[in-house]
N, C-alpha and C. Protein backbone atom coordinates (compact mmCIF):
# COMPACT_ATOMS: atom_id res chain seq x y z
N MET A 1 0.83 -1.20 0.00
CA MET A 1 0.00 0.00 0.00
C MET A 1 0.87 1.26 0.00
N GLU A 2 0.39 2.25 -0.71
CA GLU A 2 1.11 3.52 -0.80
C GLU A 2 1.04 4.25 0.55
N PRO A 3 2.18 4.78 1.06
CA PRO A 3 2.14 5.52 2.32
C PRO A 3 1.30 6.79 2.18
N VAL A 4 0.60 7.14 3.24
CA VAL A 4 -0.24 8.34 3.25
C VAL A 4 0.24 9.26 4.36
N VAL A 5 0.37 10.54 4.04
CA VAL A 5 0.74 11.55 5.02
C VAL A 5 -0.51 12.35 5.36
N GLY A 6 -0.83 12.44 6.62
CA GLY A 6 -1.97 13.22 7.06
C GLY A 6 -1.64 14.70 7.11
N VAL A 7 -2.63 15.53 6.86
CA VAL A 7 -2.48 16.98 7.00
C VAL A 7 -3.59 17.43 7.94
N LEU A 8 -3.20 17.94 9.10
CA LEU A 8 -4.18 18.42 10.07
C LEU A 8 -5.01 19.52 9.41
N ALA A 9 -6.32 19.32 9.34
CA ALA A 9 -7.18 20.20 8.54
C ALA A 9 -8.21 20.91 9.40
N LEU A 10 -7.80 21.38 10.57
CA LEU A 10 -8.71 22.10 11.45
C LEU A 10 -8.71 23.60 11.16
N GLN A 11 -7.59 24.11 10.67
CA GLN A 11 -7.43 25.53 10.42
C GLN A 11 -6.15 25.71 9.62
N GLY A 12 -5.98 26.84 8.99
CA GLY A 12 -4.73 27.15 8.32
C GLY A 12 -4.70 26.68 6.87
N ALA A 13 -3.50 26.79 6.28
CA ALA A 13 -3.32 26.52 4.85
C ALA A 13 -3.07 25.04 4.59
N PHE A 14 -3.97 24.19 5.08
CA PHE A 14 -3.75 22.75 4.93
C PHE A 14 -3.78 22.32 3.46
N ALA A 15 -4.60 22.97 2.64
CA ALA A 15 -4.66 22.61 1.21
C ALA A 15 -3.33 22.90 0.52
N ALA A 16 -2.65 23.96 0.94
CA ALA A 16 -1.34 24.28 0.35
C ALA A 16 -0.31 23.21 0.73
N HIS A 17 -0.39 22.69 1.95
CA HIS A 17 0.50 21.59 2.33
C HIS A 17 0.19 20.34 1.51
N GLU A 18 -1.09 20.08 1.26
CA GLU A 18 -1.46 18.92 0.43
C GLU A 18 -0.86 19.06 -0.97
N ARG A 19 -0.90 20.26 -1.53
CA ARG A 19 -0.33 20.50 -2.86
C ARG A 19 1.19 20.26 -2.85
N ALA A 20 1.87 20.74 -1.81
CA ALA A 20 3.33 20.56 -1.72
C ALA A 20 3.68 19.08 -1.61
N LEU A 21 2.93 18.33 -0.82
CA LEU A 21 3.18 16.90 -0.69
C LEU A 21 2.89 16.17 -2.01
N ALA A 22 1.84 16.59 -2.71
CA ALA A 22 1.54 15.99 -4.02
C ALA A 22 2.68 16.25 -5.00
N GLN A 23 3.30 17.43 -4.92
CA GLN A 23 4.43 17.77 -5.80
C GLN A 23 5.58 16.79 -5.62
N VAL A 24 5.77 16.28 -4.41
CA VAL A 24 6.87 15.34 -4.17
C VAL A 24 6.40 13.89 -4.26
N GLY A 25 5.15 13.69 -4.71
CA GLY A 25 4.66 12.35 -5.00
C GLY A 25 4.10 11.59 -3.82
N VAL A 26 3.55 12.32 -2.83
CA VAL A 26 3.02 11.68 -1.63
C VAL A 26 1.50 11.83 -1.58
N ALA A 27 0.81 10.74 -1.29
CA ALA A 27 -0.64 10.78 -1.09
C ALA A 27 -0.94 11.38 0.28
N THR A 28 -2.05 12.12 0.37
CA THR A 28 -2.40 12.79 1.63
C THR A 28 -3.83 12.45 2.05
N ARG A 29 -4.09 12.71 3.32
CA ARG A 29 -5.44 12.59 3.88
C ARG A 29 -5.63 13.73 4.87
N GLN A 30 -6.77 14.43 4.77
CA GLN A 30 -7.08 15.47 5.75
C GLN A 30 -7.45 14.81 7.08
N VAL A 31 -6.91 15.37 8.16
CA VAL A 31 -7.16 14.85 9.50
C VAL A 31 -7.99 15.85 10.29
N ARG A 32 -9.20 15.43 10.65
CA ARG A 32 -10.10 16.26 11.46
C ARG A 32 -10.61 15.53 12.71
N LEU A 33 -10.54 14.19 12.68
CA LEU A 33 -11.06 13.36 13.76
C LEU A 33 -10.04 12.27 14.10
N PRO A 34 -10.11 11.69 15.30
CA PRO A 34 -9.14 10.67 15.68
C PRO A 34 -9.02 9.51 14.70
N GLU A 35 -10.14 9.09 14.11
CA GLU A 35 -10.08 7.94 13.19
C GLU A 35 -9.31 8.26 11.91
N HIS A 36 -9.13 9.54 11.60
CA HIS A 36 -8.37 9.92 10.40
C HIS A 36 -6.86 9.67 10.57
N LEU A 37 -6.42 9.42 11.82
CA LEU A 37 -5.00 9.16 12.08
C LEU A 37 -4.59 7.73 11.72
N HIS A 38 -5.56 6.85 11.56
CA HIS A 38 -5.28 5.43 11.35
C HIS A 38 -4.44 5.19 10.09
N GLY A 39 -3.33 4.50 10.26
CA GLY A 39 -2.51 4.08 9.13
C GLY A 39 -1.62 5.14 8.51
N LEU A 40 -1.51 6.31 9.13
CA LEU A 40 -0.69 7.37 8.54
C LEU A 40 0.80 7.06 8.70
N ALA A 41 1.57 7.44 7.67
CA ALA A 41 3.03 7.32 7.73
C ALA A 41 3.66 8.52 8.42
N ALA A 42 2.95 9.67 8.40
CA ALA A 42 3.45 10.91 8.98
C ALA A 42 2.29 11.90 9.02
N LEU A 43 2.56 13.06 9.63
CA LEU A 43 1.54 14.11 9.75
C LEU A 43 2.19 15.47 9.54
N VAL A 44 1.46 16.38 8.89
CA VAL A 44 1.87 17.77 8.78
C VAL A 44 0.87 18.61 9.57
N MET A 45 1.40 19.50 10.42
CA MET A 45 0.56 20.41 11.20
C MET A 45 0.80 21.83 10.69
N PRO A 46 -0.20 22.43 10.03
CA PRO A 46 -0.01 23.73 9.39
C PRO A 46 -0.05 24.89 10.38
N GLY A 47 0.14 26.08 9.81
CA GLY A 47 -0.03 27.30 10.59
C GLY A 47 -1.51 27.56 10.84
N GLY A 48 -1.75 28.68 11.49
CA GLY A 48 -3.09 29.07 11.91
C GLY A 48 -2.93 29.87 13.18
N GLU A 49 -3.92 29.82 14.04
CA GLU A 49 -3.82 30.50 15.33
C GLU A 49 -3.68 29.41 16.39
N SER A 50 -2.56 29.39 17.09
CA SER A 50 -2.21 28.23 17.92
C SER A 50 -3.20 27.97 19.04
N THR A 51 -3.76 29.01 19.66
CA THR A 51 -4.73 28.79 20.73
C THR A 51 -6.00 28.18 20.17
N THR A 52 -6.47 28.70 19.05
CA THR A 52 -7.66 28.15 18.40
C THR A 52 -7.42 26.70 17.99
N MET A 53 -6.25 26.43 17.42
CA MET A 53 -5.94 25.06 17.00
C MET A 53 -5.90 24.13 18.21
N SER A 54 -5.33 24.59 19.32
CA SER A 54 -5.29 23.79 20.55
C SER A 54 -6.71 23.45 21.00
N ASN A 55 -7.59 24.45 20.98
CA ASN A 55 -8.98 24.22 21.38
C ASN A 55 -9.69 23.25 20.43
N LEU A 56 -9.44 23.40 19.11
CA LEU A 56 -10.07 22.51 18.12
C LEU A 56 -9.54 21.08 18.25
N LEU A 57 -8.25 20.92 18.55
CA LEU A 57 -7.69 19.59 18.77
C LEU A 57 -8.37 18.91 19.95
N THR A 58 -8.66 19.68 20.99
CA THR A 58 -9.32 19.13 22.18
C THR A 58 -10.77 18.80 21.89
N SER A 59 -11.51 19.76 21.29
CA SER A 59 -12.95 19.55 21.08
C SER A 59 -13.24 18.45 20.05
N SER A 60 -12.30 18.20 19.13
CA SER A 60 -12.49 17.16 18.12
C SER A 60 -12.13 15.77 18.67
N GLY A 61 -11.53 15.73 19.84
CA GLY A 61 -11.08 14.46 20.41
C GLY A 61 -9.71 14.03 19.88
N LEU A 62 -9.06 14.88 19.09
CA LEU A 62 -7.78 14.53 18.47
C LEU A 62 -6.59 14.65 19.41
N PHE A 63 -6.65 15.57 20.37
CA PHE A 63 -5.44 15.93 21.11
C PHE A 63 -4.79 14.71 21.77
N ASP A 64 -5.51 14.00 22.59
CA ASP A 64 -4.91 12.89 23.35
C ASP A 64 -4.47 11.75 22.44
N GLU A 65 -5.28 11.43 21.44
CA GLU A 65 -4.93 10.37 20.49
C GLU A 65 -3.66 10.74 19.73
N LEU A 66 -3.60 11.99 19.27
CA LEU A 66 -2.43 12.44 18.52
C LEU A 66 -1.20 12.51 19.41
N LYS A 67 -1.36 12.96 20.63
CA LYS A 67 -0.21 13.04 21.54
C LYS A 67 0.42 11.66 21.72
N GLY A 68 -0.41 10.64 21.92
CA GLY A 68 0.10 9.29 22.07
C GLY A 68 0.89 8.84 20.84
N ARG A 69 0.38 9.15 19.67
CA ARG A 69 1.07 8.74 18.43
C ARG A 69 2.38 9.51 18.25
N LEU A 70 2.38 10.79 18.62
CA LEU A 70 3.61 11.58 18.51
C LEU A 70 4.66 11.04 19.48
N ILE A 71 4.26 10.72 20.69
CA ILE A 71 5.19 10.16 21.67
C ILE A 71 5.74 8.82 21.18
N ASP A 72 4.90 8.07 20.47
CA ASP A 72 5.33 6.77 19.92
C ASP A 72 6.19 6.92 18.67
N GLY A 73 6.40 8.17 18.18
CA GLY A 73 7.33 8.40 17.08
C GLY A 73 6.73 8.67 15.72
N LEU A 74 5.41 8.96 15.64
CA LEU A 74 4.84 9.34 14.35
C LEU A 74 5.58 10.57 13.83
N PRO A 75 6.20 10.51 12.64
CA PRO A 75 6.89 11.68 12.11
C PRO A 75 5.90 12.83 11.90
N VAL A 76 6.32 14.04 12.28
CA VAL A 76 5.45 15.21 12.17
C VAL A 76 6.27 16.41 11.74
N PHE A 77 5.67 17.23 10.86
CA PHE A 77 6.27 18.47 10.38
C PHE A 77 5.31 19.58 10.76
N GLY A 78 5.70 20.43 11.71
CA GLY A 78 4.86 21.53 12.17
C GLY A 78 5.38 22.86 11.70
N THR A 79 4.53 23.63 11.03
CA THR A 79 4.93 24.94 10.52
C THR A 79 4.16 26.03 11.24
N CYS A 80 4.86 27.09 11.64
CA CYS A 80 4.29 28.26 12.30
C CYS A 80 3.50 27.83 13.54
N ALA A 81 2.18 27.91 13.54
CA ALA A 81 1.40 27.48 14.72
C ALA A 81 1.62 26.01 15.02
N GLY A 82 1.87 25.21 13.97
CA GLY A 82 2.19 23.80 14.18
C GLY A 82 3.43 23.64 15.03
N MET A 83 4.42 24.52 14.82
CA MET A 83 5.64 24.50 15.63
C MET A 83 5.32 24.81 17.09
N ILE A 84 4.46 25.80 17.31
CA ILE A 84 4.09 26.17 18.68
C ILE A 84 3.43 24.98 19.37
N LEU A 85 2.54 24.29 18.67
CA LEU A 85 1.83 23.16 19.27
C LEU A 85 2.74 21.99 19.59
N LEU A 86 3.88 21.88 18.92
CA LEU A 86 4.80 20.76 19.15
C LEU A 86 5.87 21.09 20.19
N ALA A 87 6.05 22.36 20.51
CA ALA A 87 7.14 22.81 21.39
C ALA A 87 6.96 22.33 22.83
N SER A 88 8.10 22.13 23.50
CA SER A 88 8.06 21.75 24.91
C SER A 88 7.71 22.94 25.80
N GLU A 89 7.96 24.16 25.30
CA GLU A 89 7.69 25.35 26.11
C GLU A 89 7.17 26.48 25.22
N VAL A 90 6.01 27.04 25.59
CA VAL A 90 5.45 28.20 24.89
C VAL A 90 5.54 29.36 25.87
N LEU A 91 6.41 30.32 25.58
CA LEU A 91 6.76 31.36 26.55
C LEU A 91 5.63 32.33 26.84
N ASP A 92 4.75 32.54 25.88
CA ASP A 92 3.68 33.52 26.09
C ASP A 92 2.32 32.93 25.73
N GLY A 93 2.16 31.65 25.94
CA GLY A 93 0.89 30.99 25.63
C GLY A 93 -0.20 31.37 26.62
N ARG A 94 -1.43 31.23 26.20
CA ARG A 94 -2.56 31.47 27.10
C ARG A 94 -2.71 30.28 28.05
N PRO A 95 -3.32 30.50 29.22
CA PRO A 95 -3.46 29.41 30.19
C PRO A 95 -4.24 28.20 29.66
N ASP A 96 -5.18 28.44 28.72
CA ASP A 96 -5.98 27.33 28.20
C ASP A 96 -5.35 26.66 26.98
N GLN A 97 -4.14 27.10 26.61
CA GLN A 97 -3.47 26.57 25.43
C GLN A 97 -2.66 25.33 25.80
N ARG A 98 -2.83 24.26 25.01
CA ARG A 98 -2.08 23.02 25.24
C ARG A 98 -1.07 22.84 24.12
N SER A 99 0.05 22.21 24.46
CA SER A 99 1.01 21.83 23.42
C SER A 99 1.42 20.39 23.66
N PHE A 100 1.97 19.77 22.62
CA PHE A 100 2.32 18.36 22.69
C PHE A 100 3.66 18.12 23.38
N GLY A 101 4.54 19.12 23.40
CA GLY A 101 5.80 19.00 24.10
C GLY A 101 6.72 17.90 23.57
N VAL A 102 6.80 17.73 22.24
CA VAL A 102 7.58 16.63 21.68
C VAL A 102 8.89 17.06 21.01
N ILE A 103 9.20 18.36 21.05
CA ILE A 103 10.51 18.83 20.60
C ILE A 103 11.01 19.83 21.63
N ASP A 104 12.28 19.70 22.00
CA ASP A 104 12.85 20.46 23.11
C ASP A 104 13.24 21.87 22.68
N ILE A 105 12.22 22.69 22.46
CA ILE A 105 12.42 24.09 22.11
C ILE A 105 11.47 24.96 22.92
N ALA A 106 11.89 26.20 23.13
CA ALA A 106 11.00 27.21 23.70
C ALA A 106 10.68 28.22 22.60
N VAL A 107 9.41 28.52 22.42
CA VAL A 107 8.99 29.44 21.37
C VAL A 107 8.18 30.58 21.95
N ARG A 108 8.25 31.71 21.27
CA ARG A 108 7.43 32.87 21.61
C ARG A 108 6.48 33.12 20.44
N ARG A 109 5.19 33.05 20.72
CA ARG A 109 4.19 33.31 19.67
C ARG A 109 4.38 34.72 19.12
N ASN A 110 4.18 34.86 17.82
CA ASN A 110 4.33 36.17 17.15
C ASN A 110 5.66 36.83 17.51
N GLY A 111 6.71 36.00 17.69
CA GLY A 111 8.01 36.52 18.11
C GLY A 111 8.65 37.47 17.11
N TYR A 112 8.22 37.40 15.85
CA TYR A 112 8.75 38.30 14.84
C TYR A 112 7.83 39.49 14.61
N GLY A 113 6.79 39.62 15.43
CA GLY A 113 5.90 40.77 15.31
C GLY A 113 4.53 40.42 14.78
N ARG A 114 3.74 41.46 14.60
CA ARG A 114 2.35 41.29 14.16
C ARG A 114 2.26 41.10 12.66
N GLN A 115 1.05 41.03 12.14
CA GLN A 115 0.82 40.81 10.70
C GLN A 115 1.58 41.82 9.85
N ILE A 116 1.61 43.06 10.28
CA ILE A 116 2.27 44.12 9.52
C ILE A 116 3.78 43.89 9.44
N ASP A 117 4.33 43.09 10.36
CA ASP A 117 5.76 42.81 10.39
C ASP A 117 6.14 41.57 9.59
N SER A 118 5.18 40.97 8.90
CA SER A 118 5.46 39.77 8.11
C SER A 118 6.51 40.10 7.05
N PHE A 119 7.31 39.09 6.69
CA PHE A 119 8.39 39.32 5.73
C PHE A 119 8.74 38.02 5.01
N GLU A 120 9.54 38.16 3.95
CA GLU A 120 10.06 37.02 3.21
C GLU A 120 11.57 37.16 3.12
N THR A 121 12.26 36.02 3.14
CA THR A 121 13.72 36.04 3.06
C THR A 121 14.22 34.71 2.54
N ASP A 122 15.44 34.71 2.01
CA ASP A 122 16.06 33.47 1.55
C ASP A 122 16.89 32.87 2.68
N LEU A 123 16.76 31.56 2.87
CA LEU A 123 17.46 30.86 3.95
C LEU A 123 18.41 29.82 3.38
N ALA A 124 19.57 29.70 3.99
CA ALA A 124 20.47 28.58 3.71
C ALA A 124 19.99 27.40 4.56
N VAL A 125 19.65 26.29 3.92
CA VAL A 125 19.14 25.11 4.61
C VAL A 125 20.18 24.00 4.52
N VAL A 126 20.47 23.38 5.65
CA VAL A 126 21.44 22.28 5.70
C VAL A 126 21.03 21.21 4.67
N GLY A 127 21.99 20.81 3.83
CA GLY A 127 21.74 19.76 2.85
C GLY A 127 21.16 20.24 1.53
N GLU A 128 20.83 21.52 1.43
CA GLU A 128 20.25 22.07 0.20
C GLU A 128 21.26 23.00 -0.47
N ALA A 129 21.50 22.80 -1.77
CA ALA A 129 22.49 23.61 -2.49
C ALA A 129 22.01 25.04 -2.72
N GLU A 130 20.71 25.19 -2.93
CA GLU A 130 20.14 26.52 -3.24
C GLU A 130 19.36 27.04 -2.03
N PRO A 131 19.34 28.37 -1.83
CA PRO A 131 18.55 28.93 -0.72
C PRO A 131 17.06 28.60 -0.87
N PHE A 132 16.37 28.58 0.26
CA PHE A 132 14.93 28.37 0.28
C PHE A 132 14.26 29.69 0.60
N HIS A 133 13.29 30.10 -0.22
CA HIS A 133 12.58 31.37 0.00
C HIS A 133 11.49 31.14 1.04
N ALA A 134 11.64 31.77 2.19
CA ALA A 134 10.75 31.53 3.34
C ALA A 134 9.81 32.71 3.56
N VAL A 135 8.56 32.39 3.88
CA VAL A 135 7.51 33.38 4.13
C VAL A 135 7.18 33.35 5.63
N PHE A 136 7.44 34.44 6.32
CA PHE A 136 7.18 34.57 7.76
C PHE A 136 5.94 35.44 7.97
N ILE A 137 4.88 34.87 8.55
CA ILE A 137 3.64 35.61 8.81
C ILE A 137 3.30 35.45 10.29
N ARG A 138 3.38 36.53 11.04
CA ARG A 138 3.13 36.48 12.49
C ARG A 138 3.86 35.27 13.09
N ALA A 139 5.10 35.14 12.71
CA ALA A 139 5.85 33.91 12.97
C ALA A 139 6.30 33.79 14.42
N PRO A 140 6.29 32.56 14.93
CA PRO A 140 6.85 32.31 16.25
C PRO A 140 8.38 32.31 16.17
N LYS A 141 9.02 32.65 17.28
CA LYS A 141 10.48 32.69 17.34
C LYS A 141 10.97 31.63 18.32
N MET A 142 11.94 30.84 17.89
CA MET A 142 12.59 29.87 18.79
C MET A 142 13.57 30.63 19.66
N GLU A 143 13.34 30.59 20.97
CA GLU A 143 14.23 31.30 21.88
C GLU A 143 15.16 30.36 22.63
N ARG A 144 14.91 29.06 22.52
CA ARG A 144 15.81 28.07 23.11
C ARG A 144 15.67 26.78 22.33
N CYS A 145 16.81 26.13 22.06
CA CYS A 145 16.84 24.80 21.46
C CYS A 145 17.62 23.88 22.39
N GLY A 146 17.06 22.74 22.73
CA GLY A 146 17.75 21.78 23.57
C GLY A 146 18.92 21.14 22.85
N ASP A 147 19.76 20.44 23.60
CA ASP A 147 20.98 19.83 23.06
C ASP A 147 20.69 18.83 21.94
N GLY A 148 19.56 18.14 22.00
CA GLY A 148 19.25 17.12 21.00
C GLY A 148 18.59 17.66 19.74
N VAL A 149 18.44 18.97 19.64
CA VAL A 149 17.75 19.58 18.50
C VAL A 149 18.77 19.97 17.43
N GLU A 150 18.54 19.51 16.21
CA GLU A 150 19.40 19.82 15.08
C GLU A 150 18.83 21.04 14.36
N VAL A 151 19.61 22.11 14.29
CA VAL A 151 19.18 23.33 13.60
C VAL A 151 19.51 23.18 12.12
N LEU A 152 18.47 23.31 11.28
CA LEU A 152 18.62 23.13 9.83
C LEU A 152 18.69 24.45 9.06
N ALA A 153 18.20 25.54 9.68
CA ALA A 153 18.28 26.87 9.06
C ALA A 153 18.13 27.92 10.14
N GLU A 154 18.78 29.07 9.91
CA GLU A 154 18.69 30.21 10.82
C GLU A 154 18.37 31.47 10.04
N HIS A 155 17.78 32.43 10.74
CA HIS A 155 17.57 33.78 10.21
C HIS A 155 18.13 34.75 11.25
N ASP A 156 19.12 35.54 10.87
CA ASP A 156 19.78 36.47 11.80
C ASP A 156 20.24 35.76 13.07
N GLY A 157 20.79 34.55 12.91
CA GLY A 157 21.34 33.81 14.04
C GLY A 157 20.33 33.10 14.91
N VAL A 158 19.05 33.15 14.55
CA VAL A 158 17.99 32.49 15.32
C VAL A 158 17.50 31.28 14.54
N PRO A 159 17.42 30.09 15.17
CA PRO A 159 16.92 28.92 14.47
C PRO A 159 15.48 29.13 13.97
N VAL A 160 15.24 28.75 12.72
CA VAL A 160 13.89 28.86 12.15
C VAL A 160 13.41 27.55 11.53
N LEU A 161 14.31 26.57 11.42
CA LEU A 161 13.99 25.24 10.92
C LEU A 161 14.82 24.27 11.74
N ALA A 162 14.15 23.30 12.38
CA ALA A 162 14.87 22.41 13.29
C ALA A 162 14.23 21.04 13.31
N ARG A 163 15.02 20.06 13.79
CA ARG A 163 14.53 18.68 13.84
C ARG A 163 15.07 18.00 15.10
N GLN A 164 14.22 17.21 15.71
CA GLN A 164 14.64 16.35 16.82
C GLN A 164 13.90 15.03 16.69
N GLY A 165 14.63 13.97 16.40
CA GLY A 165 13.99 12.67 16.23
C GLY A 165 12.98 12.70 15.10
N SER A 166 11.74 12.38 15.42
CA SER A 166 10.68 12.31 14.40
C SER A 166 9.96 13.64 14.18
N VAL A 167 10.42 14.70 14.86
CA VAL A 167 9.72 15.99 14.82
C VAL A 167 10.55 17.04 14.07
N THR A 168 9.94 17.66 13.05
CA THR A 168 10.55 18.76 12.30
C THR A 168 9.65 19.98 12.45
N VAL A 169 10.25 21.15 12.68
CA VAL A 169 9.45 22.37 12.85
C VAL A 169 10.06 23.52 12.06
N ALA A 170 9.18 24.43 11.62
CA ALA A 170 9.60 25.64 10.91
C ALA A 170 8.82 26.83 11.46
N SER A 171 9.52 27.94 11.65
CA SER A 171 8.86 29.19 12.08
C SER A 171 8.04 29.80 10.96
N PHE A 172 8.33 29.41 9.74
CA PHE A 172 7.77 30.04 8.55
C PHE A 172 6.79 29.09 7.85
N HIS A 173 6.32 29.52 6.68
CA HIS A 173 5.31 28.79 5.92
C HIS A 173 5.90 28.27 4.61
N PRO A 174 6.54 27.08 4.60
CA PRO A 174 7.11 26.58 3.35
C PRO A 174 6.06 26.23 2.31
N GLU A 175 4.82 26.04 2.74
CA GLU A 175 3.74 25.68 1.81
C GLU A 175 3.26 26.86 0.96
N LEU A 176 3.67 28.08 1.32
CA LEU A 176 3.19 29.26 0.61
C LEU A 176 4.11 29.67 -0.53
N THR A 177 5.00 28.77 -0.94
CA THR A 177 5.83 28.99 -2.11
C THR A 177 5.57 27.81 -3.07
N ASP A 178 6.14 27.88 -4.26
CA ASP A 178 6.04 26.77 -5.20
C ASP A 178 7.16 25.76 -5.00
N ASP A 179 7.98 25.95 -3.98
CA ASP A 179 9.16 25.13 -3.71
C ASP A 179 8.81 24.07 -2.66
N ALA A 180 8.72 22.82 -3.07
CA ALA A 180 8.32 21.74 -2.16
C ALA A 180 9.51 20.99 -1.57
N ARG A 181 10.71 21.59 -1.65
CA ARG A 181 11.90 20.87 -1.18
C ARG A 181 11.85 20.50 0.29
N LEU A 182 11.30 21.35 1.14
CA LEU A 182 11.28 21.02 2.58
C LEU A 182 10.30 19.90 2.88
N HIS A 183 9.18 19.86 2.17
CA HIS A 183 8.26 18.73 2.31
C HIS A 183 8.94 17.46 1.83
N GLY A 184 9.68 17.57 0.72
CA GLY A 184 10.42 16.43 0.20
C GLY A 184 11.50 15.97 1.19
N MET A 185 12.21 16.92 1.77
CA MET A 185 13.24 16.59 2.76
C MET A 185 12.63 15.84 3.94
N PHE A 186 11.46 16.30 4.40
CA PHE A 186 10.78 15.67 5.53
C PHE A 186 10.40 14.23 5.21
N VAL A 187 9.75 14.00 4.09
CA VAL A 187 9.29 12.64 3.80
C VAL A 187 10.45 11.71 3.45
N ARG A 188 11.49 12.23 2.83
CA ARG A 188 12.67 11.38 2.54
C ARG A 188 13.40 11.02 3.83
N HIS A 189 13.53 11.98 4.73
CA HIS A 189 14.23 11.73 6.00
C HIS A 189 13.59 10.57 6.77
N HIS A 190 12.28 10.44 6.65
CA HIS A 190 11.56 9.39 7.37
C HIS A 190 11.26 8.18 6.50
N GLY A 191 11.87 8.10 5.31
CA GLY A 191 11.76 6.93 4.47
C GLY A 191 10.40 6.73 3.83
N ILE A 192 9.61 7.80 3.77
CA ILE A 192 8.27 7.70 3.16
C ILE A 192 8.39 7.64 1.65
N ILE A 193 9.35 8.39 1.12
CA ILE A 193 9.74 8.26 -0.29
C ILE A 193 11.26 8.18 -0.33
N GLN A 194 11.78 7.72 -1.45
CA GLN A 194 13.26 7.62 -1.61
C GLN A 194 13.80 8.91 -2.18
């Protein structure tokens, strides 16, 4: 059977992530309920508003089921709000906000500023010969990376793309460009495609 990568479809640009995964030859399934997690090879968690996403994960019944699978090693790629939800520490989160705590980083929501402060820049990514054009929209900032976290790209000396075990996170929105290399890097790293 062909491996399927789930895309959390509660909020955010999940359709753009589906397009990027299709570009690298991966079948996808939208994930809205716990039963949608069955048989997935990996999961992508898109951007959006992290508190709202946390609440939707809880109200849909997905949070606890997904947390168990992440702890068991389900590969996951979290972008922007997805990164916040995966972080071990959210420095300015609301009291009702939950995170999965599966990558040893501390993040600050909207660490690069408000919507008006959004920007685009080219990043040098470990293992990639050409720069990756990154789109930062109300982006979270990594303020601490644990010893086991591999930094794959930085912006002004701050990590913006990182990996620890089965978890990959980006402060930016790689799905908002026509360049699917980071999605390809994620699925190849976990053996989903060659």
